[in-house]
Amino acid sequence: MAVTEELSGGDRKGIMMIEGRVLKPQDVIHDLLDVLEDSSGFPGQGLSGRGAGREKIYDLVDVVEKKPRMAFVDTGLHEEIMKRAAEIAEKVSREVIPTVAERVIREEIEKLKKSM
């Protein structure tokens, strides 16, 4: 999934990006087949000893403990947020509703004048 992009700037032309990450010249791209054949880069036995150690493979569900996340929110903070939200809503409605109401009333008056 390599995407080559040309960016402005003299030294930034032809930058290769993979999944949003810029590849640097010193980065190594492994082909999965090459990694299987040459497992010398891996610590220990590498991939050649498949099943020899019979280490237990854990599921993520086994490893990660599910702890309920509780936010430590001051109740006064919640009340302050609700109070501020109400003030903002009231301010917006005082600015918007009269304009809308005036337009609707004018349209209704025009309809009544036309129907007479």
N, C-alpha and C. Protein backbone atom coordinates (compact mmCIF):
# COMPACT_ATOMS: atom_id res chain seq x y z
N MET A 1 0.82 -1.19 0.00
CA MET A 1 0.00 0.00 0.00
C MET A 1 0.86 1.25 0.00
N ALA A 2 1.89 1.25 -0.76
CA ALA A 2 2.78 2.40 -0.79
C ALA A 2 2.20 3.46 -1.71
N VAL A 3 2.26 4.67 -1.25
CA VAL A 3 1.75 5.80 -2.03
C VAL A 3 2.88 6.80 -2.13
N THR A 4 3.20 7.21 -3.32
CA THR A 4 4.26 8.20 -3.50
C THR A 4 3.60 9.55 -3.71
N GLU A 5 4.03 10.51 -2.93
CA GLU A 5 3.49 11.85 -3.05
C GLU A 5 4.63 12.82 -3.30
N GLU A 6 4.36 13.84 -4.10
CA GLU A 6 5.34 14.88 -4.29
C GLU A 6 4.90 16.09 -3.50
N LEU A 7 5.76 16.54 -2.61
CA LEU A 7 5.46 17.69 -1.79
C LEU A 7 6.29 18.86 -2.26
N SER A 8 5.85 20.06 -1.92
CA SER A 8 6.61 21.23 -2.32
C SER A 8 7.89 21.29 -1.50
N GLY A 9 8.93 21.78 -2.11
CA GLY A 9 10.22 21.86 -1.42
C GLY A 9 11.24 21.05 -2.20
N GLY A 10 12.48 21.51 -2.21
CA GLY A 10 13.51 20.85 -2.99
C GLY A 10 13.86 19.47 -2.51
N ASP A 11 13.99 19.26 -1.21
CA ASP A 11 14.43 17.97 -0.71
C ASP A 11 13.27 17.06 -0.34
N ARG A 12 12.04 17.43 -0.62
CA ARG A 12 10.88 16.64 -0.22
C ARG A 12 10.21 15.95 -1.41
N LYS A 13 10.83 15.90 -2.55
CA LYS A 13 10.19 15.30 -3.72
C LYS A 13 10.32 13.80 -3.66
N GLY A 14 9.24 13.11 -4.04
CA GLY A 14 9.28 11.66 -4.10
C GLY A 14 9.29 10.98 -2.75
N ILE A 15 8.63 11.55 -1.76
CA ILE A 15 8.58 10.94 -0.43
C ILE A 15 7.60 9.78 -0.47
N MET A 16 7.99 8.65 0.10
CA MET A 16 7.12 7.48 0.12
C MET A 16 6.41 7.42 1.46
N MET A 17 5.10 7.24 1.40
CA MET A 17 4.31 7.15 2.61
C MET A 17 3.55 5.84 2.61
N ILE A 18 3.51 5.20 3.78
CA ILE A 18 2.73 3.99 3.95
C ILE A 18 1.81 4.20 5.13
N GLU A 19 0.51 4.09 4.88
CA GLU A 19 -0.52 4.27 5.90
C GLU A 19 -0.31 5.56 6.70
N GLY A 20 -0.01 6.65 6.01
CA GLY A 20 0.11 7.95 6.65
C GLY A 20 1.44 8.19 7.33
N ARG A 21 2.36 7.25 7.27
CA ARG A 21 3.67 7.39 7.92
C ARG A 21 4.71 7.57 6.84
N VAL A 22 5.58 8.56 7.01
CA VAL A 22 6.63 8.84 6.03
C VAL A 22 7.75 7.83 6.22
N LEU A 23 8.13 7.18 5.13
CA LEU A 23 9.25 6.24 5.18
C LEU A 23 10.56 6.99 5.03
N LYS A 24 11.50 6.67 5.88
CA LYS A 24 12.81 7.30 5.84
C LYS A 24 13.75 6.38 5.06
N PRO A 25 14.85 6.92 4.54
CA PRO A 25 15.79 6.08 3.78
C PRO A 25 16.34 4.91 4.58
N GLN A 26 16.50 5.05 5.90
CA GLN A 26 17.06 3.98 6.71
C GLN A 26 16.01 2.94 7.12
N ASP A 27 14.73 3.16 6.83
CA ASP A 27 13.70 2.19 7.16
C ASP A 27 13.83 0.96 6.27
N VAL A 28 13.59 -0.21 6.87
CA VAL A 28 13.69 -1.46 6.14
C VAL A 28 12.28 -1.99 5.91
N ILE A 29 12.00 -2.39 4.68
CA ILE A 29 10.71 -2.97 4.35
C ILE A 29 10.94 -4.46 4.13
N HIS A 30 10.31 -5.28 4.95
CA HIS A 30 10.47 -6.73 4.86
C HIS A 30 9.34 -7.33 4.05
N ASP A 31 9.69 -8.26 3.21
CA ASP A 31 8.69 -9.09 2.57
C ASP A 31 8.44 -10.24 3.52
N LEU A 32 7.21 -10.61 3.75
CA LEU A 32 6.91 -11.64 4.74
C LEU A 32 7.62 -12.95 4.43
N LEU A 33 7.78 -13.30 3.18
CA LEU A 33 8.47 -14.53 2.83
C LEU A 33 9.94 -14.45 3.21
N ASP A 34 10.56 -13.27 3.02
CA ASP A 34 11.95 -13.11 3.39
C ASP A 34 12.14 -13.27 4.89
N VAL A 35 11.21 -12.78 5.68
CA VAL A 35 11.31 -12.87 7.12
C VAL A 35 11.22 -14.32 7.57
N LEU A 36 10.36 -15.11 6.94
CA LEU A 36 10.24 -16.52 7.30
C LEU A 36 11.51 -17.30 6.95
N GLU A 37 12.09 -17.00 5.79
CA GLU A 37 13.30 -17.71 5.38
C GLU A 37 14.50 -17.32 6.22
N ASP A 38 14.62 -16.04 6.54
CA ASP A 38 15.78 -15.56 7.28
C ASP A 38 15.31 -15.05 8.64
N SER A 39 15.28 -15.93 9.62
CA SER A 39 14.80 -15.54 10.94
C SER A 39 15.94 -15.16 11.86
N SER A 40 17.11 -14.84 11.29
CA SER A 40 18.27 -14.48 12.11
C SER A 40 18.08 -13.14 12.81
N GLY A 41 17.21 -12.32 12.30
CA GLY A 41 16.97 -11.02 12.92
C GLY A 41 16.12 -11.08 14.16
N PHE A 42 15.57 -12.26 14.46
CA PHE A 42 14.70 -12.40 15.62
C PHE A 42 15.49 -12.93 16.80
N PRO A 43 15.20 -12.46 18.00
CA PRO A 43 15.90 -12.98 19.18
C PRO A 43 15.47 -14.41 19.48
N GLY A 44 16.38 -15.18 20.04
CA GLY A 44 16.06 -16.54 20.43
C GLY A 44 16.03 -17.46 19.23
N GLN A 45 15.08 -18.36 19.20
CA GLN A 45 15.00 -19.35 18.12
C GLN A 45 14.41 -18.76 16.84
N GLY A 46 13.75 -17.68 16.92
CA GLY A 46 13.12 -17.11 15.75
C GLY A 46 11.86 -17.87 15.42
N LEU A 47 11.52 -17.94 14.15
CA LEU A 47 10.30 -18.60 13.73
C LEU A 47 10.53 -20.06 13.37
N SER A 48 11.81 -20.49 13.34
CA SER A 48 12.08 -21.85 12.88
C SER A 48 11.60 -22.89 13.88
N GLY A 49 11.52 -22.57 15.14
CA GLY A 49 11.12 -23.54 16.15
C GLY A 49 9.64 -23.49 16.44
N ARG A 50 8.82 -23.48 15.40
CA ARG A 50 7.38 -23.41 15.61
C ARG A 50 6.90 -24.64 16.35
N GLY A 51 6.25 -24.46 17.46
CA GLY A 51 5.68 -25.57 18.21
C GLY A 51 6.69 -26.26 19.11
N ALA A 52 7.98 -25.92 18.99
CA ALA A 52 8.99 -26.60 19.81
C ALA A 52 8.85 -26.19 21.27
N GLY A 53 8.65 -24.89 21.51
CA GLY A 53 8.55 -24.42 22.88
C GLY A 53 7.18 -24.61 23.47
N ARG A 54 6.17 -24.69 22.63
CA ARG A 54 4.77 -24.80 23.04
C ARG A 54 4.42 -23.79 24.14
N GLU A 55 4.76 -22.53 23.86
CA GLU A 55 4.39 -21.49 24.81
C GLU A 55 2.89 -21.23 24.66
N LYS A 56 2.28 -20.90 25.78
CA LYS A 56 0.85 -20.63 25.76
C LYS A 56 0.59 -19.31 25.04
N ILE A 57 -0.33 -19.33 24.13
CA ILE A 57 -0.71 -18.12 23.42
C ILE A 57 -1.95 -17.58 24.09
N TYR A 58 -1.87 -16.34 24.52
CA TYR A 58 -2.97 -15.72 25.24
C TYR A 58 -3.86 -14.96 24.28
N ASP A 59 -5.12 -15.02 24.54
CA ASP A 59 -6.07 -14.19 23.83
C ASP A 59 -6.02 -12.80 24.46
N LEU A 60 -6.33 -11.78 23.72
CA LEU A 60 -6.34 -10.44 24.30
C LEU A 60 -7.32 -10.36 25.46
N VAL A 61 -8.38 -11.13 25.40
CA VAL A 61 -9.37 -11.11 26.46
C VAL A 61 -8.75 -11.65 27.75
N ASP A 62 -7.82 -12.62 27.62
CA ASP A 62 -7.18 -13.18 28.80
C ASP A 62 -6.19 -12.20 29.42
N VAL A 63 -5.51 -11.43 28.60
CA VAL A 63 -4.43 -10.58 29.08
C VAL A 63 -4.93 -9.25 29.62
N VAL A 64 -5.84 -8.63 28.92
CA VAL A 64 -6.32 -7.30 29.28
C VAL A 64 -7.43 -7.43 30.30
N GLU A 65 -7.24 -6.78 31.42
CA GLU A 65 -8.28 -6.79 32.45
C GLU A 65 -9.28 -5.70 32.13
N LYS A 66 -10.54 -6.06 32.24
CA LYS A 66 -11.58 -5.06 32.00
C LYS A 66 -11.92 -4.40 33.32
N LYS A 67 -11.57 -3.16 33.43
CA LYS A 67 -11.88 -2.39 34.62
C LYS A 67 -12.88 -1.31 34.21
N PRO A 68 -13.91 -1.15 34.98
CA PRO A 68 -14.86 -0.09 34.64
C PRO A 68 -14.18 1.27 34.77
N ARG A 69 -14.32 2.05 33.74
CA ARG A 69 -13.72 3.38 33.77
C ARG A 69 -14.71 4.35 34.39
N MET A 70 -14.29 4.92 35.45
CA MET A 70 -15.15 5.88 36.14
C MET A 70 -14.46 7.24 36.10
N ALA A 71 -15.15 8.20 35.61
CA ALA A 71 -14.60 9.54 35.57
C ALA A 71 -14.77 10.18 36.94
N PHE A 72 -13.71 10.78 37.38
CA PHE A 72 -13.77 11.48 38.65
C PHE A 72 -14.21 12.91 38.36
N VAL A 73 -15.52 13.08 38.33
CA VAL A 73 -16.09 14.38 38.00
C VAL A 73 -16.72 14.96 39.24
N ASP A 74 -16.35 16.17 39.51
CA ASP A 74 -16.94 16.88 40.62
C ASP A 74 -18.39 17.21 40.26
N THR A 75 -19.31 16.92 41.16
CA THR A 75 -20.72 17.18 40.85
C THR A 75 -20.96 18.67 40.62
N GLY A 76 -20.19 19.49 41.28
CA GLY A 76 -20.30 20.93 41.06
C GLY A 76 -19.91 21.31 39.65
N LEU A 77 -18.95 20.58 39.09
CA LEU A 77 -18.52 20.84 37.72
C LEU A 77 -19.65 20.51 36.75
N HIS A 78 -20.32 19.37 36.97
CA HIS A 78 -21.44 18.98 36.12
C HIS A 78 -22.55 20.03 36.17
N GLU A 79 -22.86 20.49 37.35
CA GLU A 79 -23.90 21.52 37.50
C GLU A 79 -23.48 22.82 36.80
N GLU A 80 -22.20 23.17 36.90
CA GLU A 80 -21.71 24.38 36.26
C GLU A 80 -21.78 24.26 34.74
N ILE A 81 -21.46 23.09 34.24
CA ILE A 81 -21.54 22.86 32.79
C ILE A 81 -22.98 22.98 32.32
N MET A 82 -23.92 22.37 33.05
CA MET A 82 -25.33 22.44 32.67
C MET A 82 -25.84 23.88 32.73
N LYS A 83 -25.42 24.61 33.73
CA LYS A 83 -25.83 26.01 33.88
C LYS A 83 -25.32 26.84 32.70
N ARG A 84 -24.05 26.62 32.36
CA ARG A 84 -23.45 27.37 31.25
C ARG A 84 -24.11 27.00 29.92
N ALA A 85 -24.43 25.72 29.73
CA ALA A 85 -25.09 25.28 28.51
C ALA A 85 -26.47 25.91 28.39
N ALA A 86 -27.19 26.01 29.50
CA ALA A 86 -28.52 26.63 29.49
C ALA A 86 -28.42 28.12 29.14
N GLU A 87 -27.40 28.79 29.68
CA GLU A 87 -27.21 30.20 29.37
C GLU A 87 -26.93 30.40 27.88
N ILE A 88 -26.07 29.55 27.33
CA ILE A 88 -25.73 29.68 25.90
C ILE A 88 -26.94 29.39 25.03
N ALA A 89 -27.72 28.36 25.38
CA ALA A 89 -28.92 28.03 24.61
C ALA A 89 -29.92 29.18 24.65
N GLU A 90 -30.07 29.78 25.81
CA GLU A 90 -31.00 30.91 25.94
C GLU A 90 -30.53 32.09 25.10
N LYS A 91 -29.23 32.36 25.13
CA LYS A 91 -28.68 33.47 24.36
C LYS A 91 -28.88 33.26 22.86
N VAL A 92 -28.62 32.05 22.40
CA VAL A 92 -28.79 31.74 20.99
C VAL A 92 -30.25 31.85 20.59
N SER A 93 -31.14 31.33 21.44
CA SER A 93 -32.57 31.40 21.10
C SER A 93 -33.07 32.84 21.09
N ARG A 94 -32.56 33.67 21.96
CA ARG A 94 -32.98 35.08 21.97
C ARG A 94 -32.51 35.80 20.70
N GLU A 95 -31.39 35.36 20.13
CA GLU A 95 -30.89 35.98 18.91
C GLU A 95 -31.56 35.43 17.66
N VAL A 96 -31.87 34.14 17.64
CA VAL A 96 -32.36 33.49 16.42
C VAL A 96 -33.88 33.53 16.31
N ILE A 97 -34.59 33.22 17.36
CA ILE A 97 -36.04 33.07 17.30
C ILE A 97 -36.77 34.35 16.87
N PRO A 98 -36.40 35.52 17.39
CA PRO A 98 -37.13 36.71 16.91
C PRO A 98 -37.01 36.94 15.40
N THR A 99 -35.85 36.68 14.85
CA THR A 99 -35.66 36.86 13.41
C THR A 99 -36.52 35.88 12.63
N VAL A 100 -36.53 34.64 13.07
CA VAL A 100 -37.33 33.61 12.40
C VAL A 100 -38.81 33.92 12.56
N ALA A 101 -39.21 34.30 13.76
CA ALA A 101 -40.62 34.60 14.02
C ALA A 101 -41.07 35.79 13.17
N GLU A 102 -40.23 36.81 13.08
CA GLU A 102 -40.58 37.98 12.28
C GLU A 102 -40.78 37.57 10.82
N ARG A 103 -39.89 36.74 10.28
CA ARG A 103 -40.00 36.31 8.89
C ARG A 103 -41.28 35.51 8.67
N VAL A 104 -41.61 34.62 9.59
CA VAL A 104 -42.82 33.80 9.46
C VAL A 104 -44.06 34.68 9.52
N ILE A 105 -44.07 35.63 10.43
CA ILE A 105 -45.23 36.53 10.57
C ILE A 105 -45.41 37.35 9.30
N ARG A 106 -44.29 37.87 8.75
CA ARG A 106 -44.39 38.66 7.51
C ARG A 106 -44.93 37.81 6.36
N GLU A 107 -44.45 36.56 6.27
CA GLU A 107 -44.94 35.68 5.20
C GLU A 107 -46.43 35.41 5.35
N GLU A 108 -46.89 35.21 6.57
CA GLU A 108 -48.32 34.96 6.81
C GLU A 108 -49.15 36.19 6.47
N ILE A 109 -48.63 37.38 6.79
CA ILE A 109 -49.34 38.62 6.47
C ILE A 109 -49.45 38.77 4.94
N GLU A 110 -48.36 38.46 4.23
CA GLU A 110 -48.39 38.54 2.76
C GLU A 110 -49.40 37.56 2.18
N LYS A 111 -49.48 36.36 2.73
CA LYS A 111 -50.46 35.37 2.26
C LYS A 111 -51.89 35.88 2.48
N LEU A 112 -52.14 36.49 3.65
CA LEU A 112 -53.47 37.01 3.93
C LEU A 112 -53.83 38.16 3.00
N LYS A 113 -52.84 39.01 2.69
CA LYS A 113 -53.11 40.13 1.79
C LYS A 113 -53.44 39.63 0.39
N LYS A 114 -52.73 38.59 -0.06
CA LYS A 114 -52.96 38.04 -1.40
C LYS A 114 -54.31 37.34 -1.51
N SER A 115 -54.72 36.72 -0.42
CA SER A 115 -55.99 35.98 -0.47
C SER A 115 -57.20 36.93 -0.41
N MET A 116 -57.04 38.15 0.00
CA MET A 116 -58.16 39.09 0.08
C MET A 116 -58.42 39.70 -1.21
